[in-house]
PDB file of N, CA and C in Angstrom:
ATOM      1  N   UNK A   1       2.659   7.686 -13.065  1.00  0.00           N
ATOM      2  CA  UNK A   1       2.618   6.349 -13.602  1.00  0.00           C
ATOM      3  C   UNK A   1       1.670   6.281 -14.797  1.00  0.00           C
ATOM      4  N   UNK A   2       0.601   7.041 -14.765  1.00  0.00           N
ATOM      5  CA  UNK A   2      -0.362   6.974 -15.863  1.00  0.00           C
ATOM      6  C   UNK A   2       0.206   7.555 -17.150  1.00  0.00           C
ATOM      7  N   UNK A   3       1.393   8.171 -17.095  1.00  0.00           N
ATOM      8  CA  UNK A   3       2.020   8.679 -18.305  1.00  0.00           C
ATOM      9  C   UNK A   3       2.631   7.552 -19.129  1.00  0.00           C
ATOM     10  N   UNK A   4       2.942   6.432 -18.503  1.00  0.00           N
ATOM     11  CA  UNK A   4       3.580   5.319 -19.202  1.00  0.00           C
ATOM     12  C   UNK A   4       2.600   4.218 -19.582  1.00  0.00           C
ATOM     13  N   UNK A   5       1.641   3.956 -18.744  1.00  0.00           N
ATOM     14  CA  UNK A   5       0.645   2.909 -19.008  1.00  0.00           C
ATOM     15  C   UNK A   5      -0.748   3.490 -18.787  1.00  0.00           C
ATOM     16  N   UNK A   6      -1.758   2.967 -19.481  1.00  0.00           N
ATOM     17  CA  UNK A   6      -3.095   3.564 -19.377  1.00  0.00           C
ATOM     18  C   UNK A   6      -3.910   3.128 -18.158  1.00  0.00           C
ATOM     19  N   UNK A   7      -3.273   2.511 -17.163  1.00  0.00           N
ATOM     20  CA  UNK A   7      -4.015   2.104 -15.968  1.00  0.00           C
ATOM     21  C   UNK A   7      -3.485   2.868 -14.757  1.00  0.00           C
ATOM     22  N   UNK A   8      -4.276   2.904 -13.707  1.00  0.00           N
ATOM     23  CA  UNK A   8      -3.897   3.662 -12.515  1.00  0.00           C
ATOM     24  C   UNK A   8      -2.798   2.937 -11.736  1.00  0.00           C
ATOM     25  N   UNK A   9      -2.130   3.696 -10.872  1.00  0.00           N
ATOM     26  CA  UNK A   9      -1.070   3.126 -10.057  1.00  0.00           C
ATOM     27  C   UNK A   9      -1.609   2.026  -9.146  1.00  0.00           C
ATOM     28  N   UNK A  10      -2.762   2.243  -8.535  1.00  0.00           N
ATOM     29  CA  UNK A  10      -3.331   1.251  -7.627  1.00  0.00           C
ATOM     30  C   UNK A  10      -3.610  -0.077  -8.313  1.00  0.00           C
ATOM     31  N   UNK A  11      -4.168  -0.018  -9.503  1.00  0.00           N
ATOM     32  CA  UNK A  11      -4.450  -1.236 -10.266  1.00  0.00           C
ATOM     33  C   UNK A  11      -3.154  -1.944 -10.640  1.00  0.00           C
ATOM     34  N   UNK A  12      -2.177  -1.179 -11.097  1.00  0.00           N
ATOM     35  CA  UNK A  12      -0.893  -1.756 -11.472  1.00  0.00           C
ATOM     36  C   UNK A  12      -0.191  -2.365 -10.259  1.00  0.00           C
ATOM     37  N   UNK A  13      -0.249  -1.677  -9.132  1.00  0.00           N
ATOM     38  CA  UNK A  13       0.365  -2.175  -7.890  1.00  0.00           C
ATOM     39  C   UNK A  13      -0.230  -3.527  -7.502  1.00  0.00           C
ATOM     40  N   UNK A  14      -1.548  -3.618  -7.511  1.00  0.00           N
ATOM     41  CA  UNK A  14      -2.187  -4.872  -7.111  1.00  0.00           C
ATOM     42  C   UNK A  14      -1.900  -5.980  -8.123  1.00  0.00           C
ATOM     43  N   UNK A  15      -1.929  -5.638  -9.404  1.00  0.00           N
ATOM     44  CA  UNK A  15      -1.676  -6.647 -10.438  1.00  0.00           C
ATOM     45  C   UNK A  15      -0.255  -7.191 -10.360  1.00  0.00           C
ATOM     46  N   UNK A  16       0.709  -6.318 -10.124  1.00  0.00           N
ATOM     47  CA  UNK A  16       2.098  -6.780 -10.043  1.00  0.00           C
ATOM     48  C   UNK A  16       2.371  -7.575  -8.770  1.00  0.00           C
ATOM     49  N   UNK A  17       1.607  -7.344  -7.718  1.00  0.00           N
ATOM     50  CA  UNK A  17       1.798  -8.083  -6.472  1.00  0.00           C
ATOM     51  C   UNK A  17       0.985  -9.371  -6.398  1.00  0.00           C
ATOM     52  N   UNK A  18       0.050  -9.564  -7.290  1.00  0.00           N
ATOM     53  CA  UNK A  18      -0.803 -10.763  -7.258  1.00  0.00           C
ATOM     54  C   UNK A  18      -0.021 -12.078  -7.275  1.00  0.00           C
ATOM     55  N   UNK A  19       1.009 -12.230  -8.098  1.00  0.00           N
ATOM     56  CA  UNK A  19       1.771 -13.489  -8.041  1.00  0.00           C
ATOM     57  C   UNK A  19       2.390 -13.751  -6.666  1.00  0.00           C
ATOM     58  N   UNK A  20       2.763 -12.688  -5.984  1.00  0.00           N
ATOM     59  CA  UNK A  20       3.359 -12.869  -4.659  1.00  0.00           C
ATOM     60  C   UNK A  20       2.322 -13.317  -3.627  1.00  0.00           C
ATOM     61  N   UNK A  21       1.074 -12.920  -3.811  1.00  0.00           N
ATOM     62  CA  UNK A  21       0.020 -13.400  -2.916  1.00  0.00           C
ATOM     63  C   UNK A  21      -0.186 -14.905  -3.112  1.00  0.00           C
ATOM     64  N   UNK A  22      -0.099 -15.352  -4.348  1.00  0.00           N
ATOM     65  CA  UNK A  22      -0.223 -16.791  -4.618  1.00  0.00           C
ATOM     66  C   UNK A  22       0.956 -17.568  -4.038  1.00  0.00           C
ATOM     67  N   UNK A  23       2.152 -17.012  -4.173  1.00  0.00           N
ATOM     68  CA  UNK A  23       3.318 -17.659  -3.570  1.00  0.00           C
ATOM     69  C   UNK A  23       3.209 -17.684  -2.045  1.00  0.00           C
ATOM     70  N   UNK A  24       2.698 -16.612  -1.470  1.00  0.00           N
ATOM     71  CA  UNK A  24       2.522 -16.567  -0.018  1.00  0.00           C
ATOM     72  C   UNK A  24       1.524 -17.622   0.426  1.00  0.00           C
ATOM     73  N   UNK A  25       0.484 -17.853  -0.370  1.00  0.00           N
ATOM     74  CA  UNK A  25      -0.513 -18.878  -0.044  1.00  0.00           C
ATOM     75  C   UNK A  25       0.161 -20.241   0.051  1.00  0.00           C
ATOM     76  N   UNK A  26       1.026 -20.555  -0.934  1.00  0.00           N
ATOM     77  CA  UNK A  26       1.710 -21.847  -0.937  1.00  0.00           C
ATOM     78  C   UNK A  26       2.705 -21.970   0.214  1.00  0.00           C
ATOM     79  N   UNK A  27       3.446 -20.900   0.472  1.00  0.00           N
ATOM     80  CA  UNK A  27       4.551 -20.982   1.428  1.00  0.00           C
ATOM     81  C   UNK A  27       4.131 -20.740   2.877  1.00  0.00           C
ATOM     82  N   UNK A  28       3.265 -19.736   3.108  1.00  0.00           N
ATOM     83  CA  UNK A  28       2.949 -19.324   4.468  1.00  0.00           C
ATOM     84  C   UNK A  28       1.517 -19.610   4.898  1.00  0.00           C
ATOM     85  N   UNK A  29       0.677 -20.063   3.992  1.00  0.00           N
ATOM     86  CA  UNK A  29      -0.686 -20.409   4.363  1.00  0.00           C
ATOM     87  C   UNK A  29      -1.701 -19.362   3.930  1.00  0.00           C
ATOM     88  N   UNK A  30      -2.966 -19.775   4.026  1.00  0.00           N
ATOM     89  CA  UNK A  30      -4.034 -18.921   3.509  1.00  0.00           C
ATOM     90  C   UNK A  30      -4.270 -17.676   4.353  1.00  0.00           C
ATOM     91  N   UNK A  31      -4.073 -17.754   5.658  1.00  0.00           N
ATOM     92  CA  UNK A  31      -4.323 -16.577   6.501  1.00  0.00           C
ATOM     93  C   UNK A  31      -3.348 -15.446   6.175  1.00  0.00           C
ATOM     94  N   UNK A  32      -2.066 -15.774   6.069  1.00  0.00           N
ATOM     95  CA  UNK A  32      -1.055 -14.781   5.724  1.00  0.00           C
ATOM     96  C   UNK A  32      -1.308 -14.209   4.328  1.00  0.00           C
ATOM     97  N   UNK A  33      -1.608 -15.078   3.373  1.00  0.00           N
ATOM     98  CA  UNK A  33      -1.847 -14.622   2.006  1.00  0.00           C
ATOM     99  C   UNK A  33      -3.087 -13.743   1.926  1.00  0.00           C
ATOM    100  N   UNK A  34      -4.136 -14.114   2.638  1.00  0.00           N
ATOM    101  CA  UNK A  34      -5.368 -13.317   2.609  1.00  0.00           C
ATOM    102  C   UNK A  34      -5.152 -11.952   3.242  1.00  0.00           C
ATOM    103  N   UNK A  35      -4.475 -11.906   4.374  1.00  0.00           N
ATOM    104  CA  UNK A  35      -4.239 -10.610   5.011  1.00  0.00           C
ATOM    105  C   UNK A  35      -3.314  -9.743   4.153  1.00  0.00           C
ATOM    106  N   UNK A  36      -2.364 -10.354   3.476  1.00  0.00           N
ATOM    107  CA  UNK A  36      -1.490  -9.594   2.584  1.00  0.00           C
ATOM    108  C   UNK A  36      -2.257  -9.079   1.370  1.00  0.00           C
ATOM    109  N   UNK A  37      -3.137  -9.893   0.816  1.00  0.00           N
ATOM    110  CA  UNK A  37      -3.944  -9.461  -0.329  1.00  0.00           C
ATOM    111  C   UNK A  37      -4.897  -8.333   0.075  1.00  0.00           C
ATOM    112  N   UNK A  38      -5.469  -8.425   1.255  1.00  0.00           N
ATOM    113  CA  UNK A  38      -6.350  -7.350   1.740  1.00  0.00           C
ATOM    114  C   UNK A  38      -5.547  -6.069   1.937  1.00  0.00           C
ATOM    115  N   UNK A  39      -4.357  -6.181   2.511  1.00  0.00           N
ATOM    116  CA  UNK A  39      -3.502  -5.009   2.691  1.00  0.00           C
ATOM    117  C   UNK A  39      -3.139  -4.391   1.345  1.00  0.00           C
ATOM    118  N   UNK A  40      -2.790  -5.219   0.379  1.00  0.00           N
ATOM    119  CA  UNK A  40      -2.459  -4.726  -0.956  1.00  0.00           C
ATOM    120  C   UNK A  40      -3.644  -4.061  -1.630  1.00  0.00           C
ATOM    121  N   UNK A  41      -4.825  -4.637  -1.453  1.00  0.00           N
ATOM    122  CA  UNK A  41      -6.032  -4.042  -2.036  1.00  0.00           C
ATOM    123  C   UNK A  41      -6.347  -2.695  -1.400  1.00  0.00           C
ATOM    124  N   UNK A  42      -6.180  -2.605  -0.091  1.00  0.00           N
ATOM    125  CA  UNK A  42      -6.418  -1.324   0.589  1.00  0.00           C
ATOM    126  C   UNK A  42      -5.425  -0.259   0.152  1.00  0.00           C
ATOM    127  N   UNK A  43      -4.160  -0.637  -0.008  1.00  0.00           N
ATOM    128  CA  UNK A  43      -3.158   0.317  -0.497  1.00  0.00           C
ATOM    129  C   UNK A  43      -3.546   0.788  -1.896  1.00  0.00           C
ATOM    130  N   UNK A  44      -3.991  -0.127  -2.743  1.00  0.00           N
ATOM    131  CA  UNK A  44      -4.397   0.224  -4.103  1.00  0.00           C
ATOM    132  C   UNK A  44      -5.578   1.187  -4.103  1.00  0.00           C
ATOM    133  N   UNK A  45      -6.575   0.891  -3.315  1.00  0.00           N
ATOM    134  CA  UNK A  45      -7.774   1.731  -3.266  1.00  0.00           C
ATOM    135  C   UNK A  45      -7.452   3.105  -2.685  1.00  0.00           C
ATOM    136  N   UNK A  46      -6.713   3.130  -1.585  1.00  0.00           N
ATOM    137  CA  UNK A  46      -6.384   4.408  -0.943  1.00  0.00           C
ATOM    138  C   UNK A  46      -5.501   5.252  -1.862  1.00  0.00           C
ATOM    139  N   UNK A  47      -4.539   4.627  -2.529  1.00  0.00           N
ATOM    140  CA  UNK A  47      -3.656   5.366  -3.427  1.00  0.00           C
ATOM    141  C   UNK A  47      -4.432   5.998  -4.576  1.00  0.00           C
ATOM    142  N   UNK A  48      -5.354   5.254  -5.149  1.00  0.00           N
ATOM    143  CA  UNK A  48      -6.128   5.783  -6.275  1.00  0.00           C
ATOM    144  C   UNK A  48      -7.096   6.893  -5.866  1.00  0.00           C
ATOM    145  N   UNK A  49      -7.499   6.929  -4.611  1.00  0.00           N
ATOM    146  CA  UNK A  49      -8.495   7.907  -4.171  1.00  0.00           C
ATOM    147  C   UNK A  49      -7.959   8.968  -3.223  1.00  0.00           C
ATOM    148  N   UNK A  50      -6.659   8.990  -2.976  1.00  0.00           N
ATOM    149  CA  UNK A  50      -6.073   9.940  -2.043  1.00  0.00           C
ATOM    150  C   UNK A  50      -6.255  11.389  -2.495  1.00  0.00           C
ATOM    151  N   UNK A  51      -6.258  11.626  -3.800  1.00  0.00           N
ATOM    152  CA  UNK A  51      -6.383  12.994  -4.301  1.00  0.00           C
ATOM    153  C   UNK A  51      -7.724  13.630  -3.947  1.00  0.00           C
ATOM    154  N   UNK A  52      -8.696  12.840  -3.597  1.00  0.00           N
ATOM    155  CA  UNK A  52     -10.006  13.368  -3.204  1.00  0.00           C
ATOM    156  C   UNK A  52     -10.013  13.889  -1.769  1.00  0.00           C
ATOM    157  N   UNK A  53      -9.063  13.440  -0.974  1.00  0.00           N
ATOM    158  CA  UNK A  53      -9.033  13.771   0.446  1.00  0.00           C
ATOM    159  C   UNK A  53      -7.922  14.771   0.780  1.00  0.00           C
ATOM    160  N   UNK A  54      -6.754  14.591   0.187  1.00  0.00           N
ATOM    161  CA  UNK A  54      -5.581  15.380   0.539  1.00  0.00           C
ATOM    162  C   UNK A  54      -5.087  16.148  -0.683  1.00  0.00           C
ATOM    163  N   UNK A  55      -4.826  17.441  -0.475  1.00  0.00           N
ATOM    164  CA  UNK A  55      -4.173  18.238  -1.511  1.00  0.00           C
ATOM    165  C   UNK A  55      -2.884  18.800  -0.936  1.00  0.00           C
ATOM    166  N   UNK A  56      -1.874  18.876  -1.740  1.00  0.00           N
ATOM    167  CA  UNK A  56      -0.575  19.363  -1.294  1.00  0.00           C
ATOM    168  C   UNK A  56      -0.254  20.666  -2.017  1.00  0.00           C
ATOM    169  N   UNK A  57      -0.849  21.760  -1.545  1.00  0.00           N
ATOM    170  CA  UNK A  57      -0.585  23.063  -2.143  1.00  0.00           C
ATOM    171  C   UNK A  57       0.671  23.705  -1.574  1.00  0.00           C
ATOM    172  N   UNK A  58       0.837  23.598  -0.255  1.00  0.00           N
ATOM    173  CA  UNK A  58       1.981  24.182   0.426  1.00  0.00           C
ATOM    174  C   UNK A  58       2.591  23.100   1.314  1.00  0.00           C
ATOM    175  N   UNK A  59       3.847  22.766   1.081  1.00  0.00           N
ATOM    176  CA  UNK A  59       4.472  21.657   1.791  1.00  0.00           C
ATOM    177  C   UNK A  59       5.593  22.171   2.686  1.00  0.00           C
ATOM    178  N   UNK A  60       5.498  21.871   3.979  1.00  0.00           N
ATOM    179  CA  UNK A  60       6.567  22.166   4.928  1.00  0.00           C
ATOM    180  C   UNK A  60       7.426  20.907   5.030  1.00  0.00           C
ATOM    181  N   UNK A  61       8.669  20.985   4.614  1.00  0.00           N
ATOM    182  CA  UNK A  61       9.514  19.798   4.497  1.00  0.00           C
ATOM    183  C   UNK A  61       9.781  19.123   5.846  1.00  0.00           C
ATOM    184  N   UNK A  62       9.976  19.888   6.898  1.00  0.00           N
ATOM    185  CA  UNK A  62      10.241  19.295   8.218  1.00  0.00           C
ATOM    186  C   UNK A  62       9.003  18.534   8.705  1.00  0.00           C
ATOM    187  N   UNK A  63       7.852  19.154   8.584  1.00  0.00           N
ATOM    188  CA  UNK A  63       6.611  18.493   8.996  1.00  0.00           C
ATOM    189  C   UNK A  63       6.381  17.225   8.178  1.00  0.00           C
ATOM    190  N   UNK A  64       6.608  17.296   6.871  1.00  0.00           N
ATOM    191  CA  UNK A  64       6.405  16.127   6.016  1.00  0.00           C
ATOM    192  C   UNK A  64       7.351  14.989   6.392  1.00  0.00           C
ATOM    193  N   UNK A  65       8.594  15.323   6.717  1.00  0.00           N
ATOM    194  CA  UNK A  65       9.564  14.298   7.103  1.00  0.00           C
ATOM    195  C   UNK A  65       9.148  13.620   8.399  1.00  0.00           C
ATOM    196  N   UNK A  66       8.728  14.391   9.376  1.00  0.00           N
ATOM    197  CA  UNK A  66       8.327  13.826  10.672  1.00  0.00           C
ATOM    198  C   UNK A  66       7.023  13.037  10.534  1.00  0.00           C
ATOM    199  N   UNK A  67       6.020  13.640   9.901  1.00  0.00           N
ATOM    200  CA  UNK A  67       4.725  12.961   9.741  1.00  0.00           C
ATOM    201  C   UNK A  67       4.865  11.714   8.874  1.00  0.00           C
ATOM    202  N   UNK A  68       5.645  11.805   7.798  1.00  0.00           N
ATOM    203  CA  UNK A  68       5.845  10.644   6.929  1.00  0.00           C
ATOM    204  C   UNK A  68       6.533   9.505   7.650  1.00  0.00           C
ATOM    205  N   UNK A  69       7.567   9.822   8.421  1.00  0.00           N
ATOM    206  CA  UNK A  69       8.267   8.791   9.189  1.00  0.00           C
ATOM    207  C   UNK A  69       7.366   8.126  10.214  1.00  0.00           C
ATOM    208  N   UNK A  70       6.575   8.934  10.913  1.00  0.00           N
ATOM    209  CA  UNK A  70       5.643   8.375  11.898  1.00  0.00           C
ATOM    210  C   UNK A  70       4.580   7.504  11.243  1.00  0.00           C
ATOM    211  N   UNK A  71       4.026   7.965  10.135  1.00  0.00           N
ATOM    212  CA  UNK A  71       2.989   7.185   9.456  1.00  0.00           C
ATOM    213  C   UNK A  71       3.538   5.893   8.858  1.00  0.00           C
ATOM    214  N   UNK A  72       4.745   5.947   8.296  1.00  0.00           N
ATOM    215  CA  UNK A  72       5.335   4.715   7.764  1.00  0.00           C
ATOM    216  C   UNK A  72       5.637   3.731   8.888  1.00  0.00           C
ATOM    217  N   UNK A  73       6.165   4.223   9.994  1.00  0.00           N
ATOM    218  CA  UNK A  73       6.435   3.353  11.133  1.00  0.00           C
ATOM    219  C   UNK A  73       5.166   2.740  11.695  1.00  0.00           C
ATOM    220  N   UNK A  74       4.124   3.542  11.813  1.00  0.00           N
ATOM    221  CA  UNK A  74       2.844   3.030  12.307  1.00  0.00           C
ATOM    222  C   UNK A  74       2.268   1.986  11.355  1.00  0.00           C
ATOM    223  N   UNK A  75       2.356   2.253  10.064  1.00  0.00           N
ATOM    224  CA  UNK A  75       1.861   1.289   9.076  1.00  0.00           C
ATOM    225  C   UNK A  75       2.605  -0.029   9.144  1.00  0.00           C
ATOM    226  N   UNK A  76       3.926   0.042   9.274  1.00  0.00           N
ATOM    227  CA  UNK A  76       4.713  -1.188   9.378  1.00  0.00           C
ATOM    228  C   UNK A  76       4.407  -1.926  10.669  1.00  0.00           C
ATOM    229  N   UNK A  77       4.208  -1.202  11.753  1.00  0.00           N
ATOM    230  CA  UNK A  77       3.850  -1.818  13.024  1.00  0.00           C
ATOM    231  C   UNK A  77       2.531  -2.576  12.905  1.00  0.00           C
ATOM    232  N   UNK A  78       1.558  -1.958  12.264  1.00  0.00           N
ATOM    233  CA  UNK A  78       0.252  -2.608  12.077  1.00  0.00           C
ATOM    234  C   UNK A  78       0.399  -3.863  11.231  1.00  0.00           C
ATOM    235  N   UNK A  79       1.159  -3.771  10.136  1.00  0.00           N
ATOM    236  CA  UNK A  79       1.341  -4.945   9.273  1.00  0.00           C
ATOM    237  C   UNK A  79       2.055  -6.075  10.003  1.00  0.00           C
ATOM    238  N   UNK A  80       3.137  -5.763  10.705  1.00  0.00           N
ATOM    239  CA  UNK A  80       3.878  -6.805  11.408  1.00  0.00           C
ATOM    240  C   UNK A  80       3.071  -7.394  12.562  1.00  0.00           C
ATOM    241  N   UNK A  81       2.313  -6.555  13.227  1.00  0.00           N
ATOM    242  CA  UNK A  81       1.491  -7.004  14.357  1.00  0.00           C
ATOM    243  C   UNK A  81       0.448  -8.014  13.904  1.00  0.00           C
ATOM    244  N   UNK A  82      -0.098  -7.798  12.720  1.00  0.00           N
ATOM    245  CA  UNK A  82      -1.136  -8.690  12.193  1.00  0.00           C
ATOM    246  C   UNK A  82      -0.606  -9.719  11.219  1.00  0.00           C
ATOM    247  N   UNK A  83       0.710  -9.881  11.226  1.00  0.00           N
ATOM    248  CA  UNK A  83       1.398 -10.881  10.398  1.00  0.00           C
ATOM    249  C   UNK A  83       0.982 -10.798   8.941  1.00  0.00           C
ATOM    250  N   UNK A  84       1.205  -9.636   8.395  1.00  0.00           N
ATOM    251  CA  UNK A  84       0.881  -9.379   7.002  1.00  0.00           C
ATOM    252  C   UNK A  84       2.079  -8.733   6.333  1.00  0.00           C
ATOM    253  N   UNK A  85       1.969  -8.494   5.038  1.00  0.00           N
ATOM    254  CA  UNK A  85       3.043  -7.797   4.319  1.00  0.00           C
ATOM    255  C   UNK A  85       2.488  -6.626   3.571  1.00  0.00           C
TER     256      UNK A  85
END
């Protein structure tokens, strides 16, 4: 992403989602909007700093498919459980 614009993916992600947090505030209330904004901020921060924790030198495709599916499912479960997006 940094090849097209001079800002990081995390910053761009949060900036592009900000209008939706405002719409969520109007439509669903402040609790839903706040939890969604916090979730978006955490995704932005983690995405920008993931390279410091994880390196992908050797990738096993089967393991990545299983681990990725489990992690995405767990993430969605957490978001839905706490009524966030």
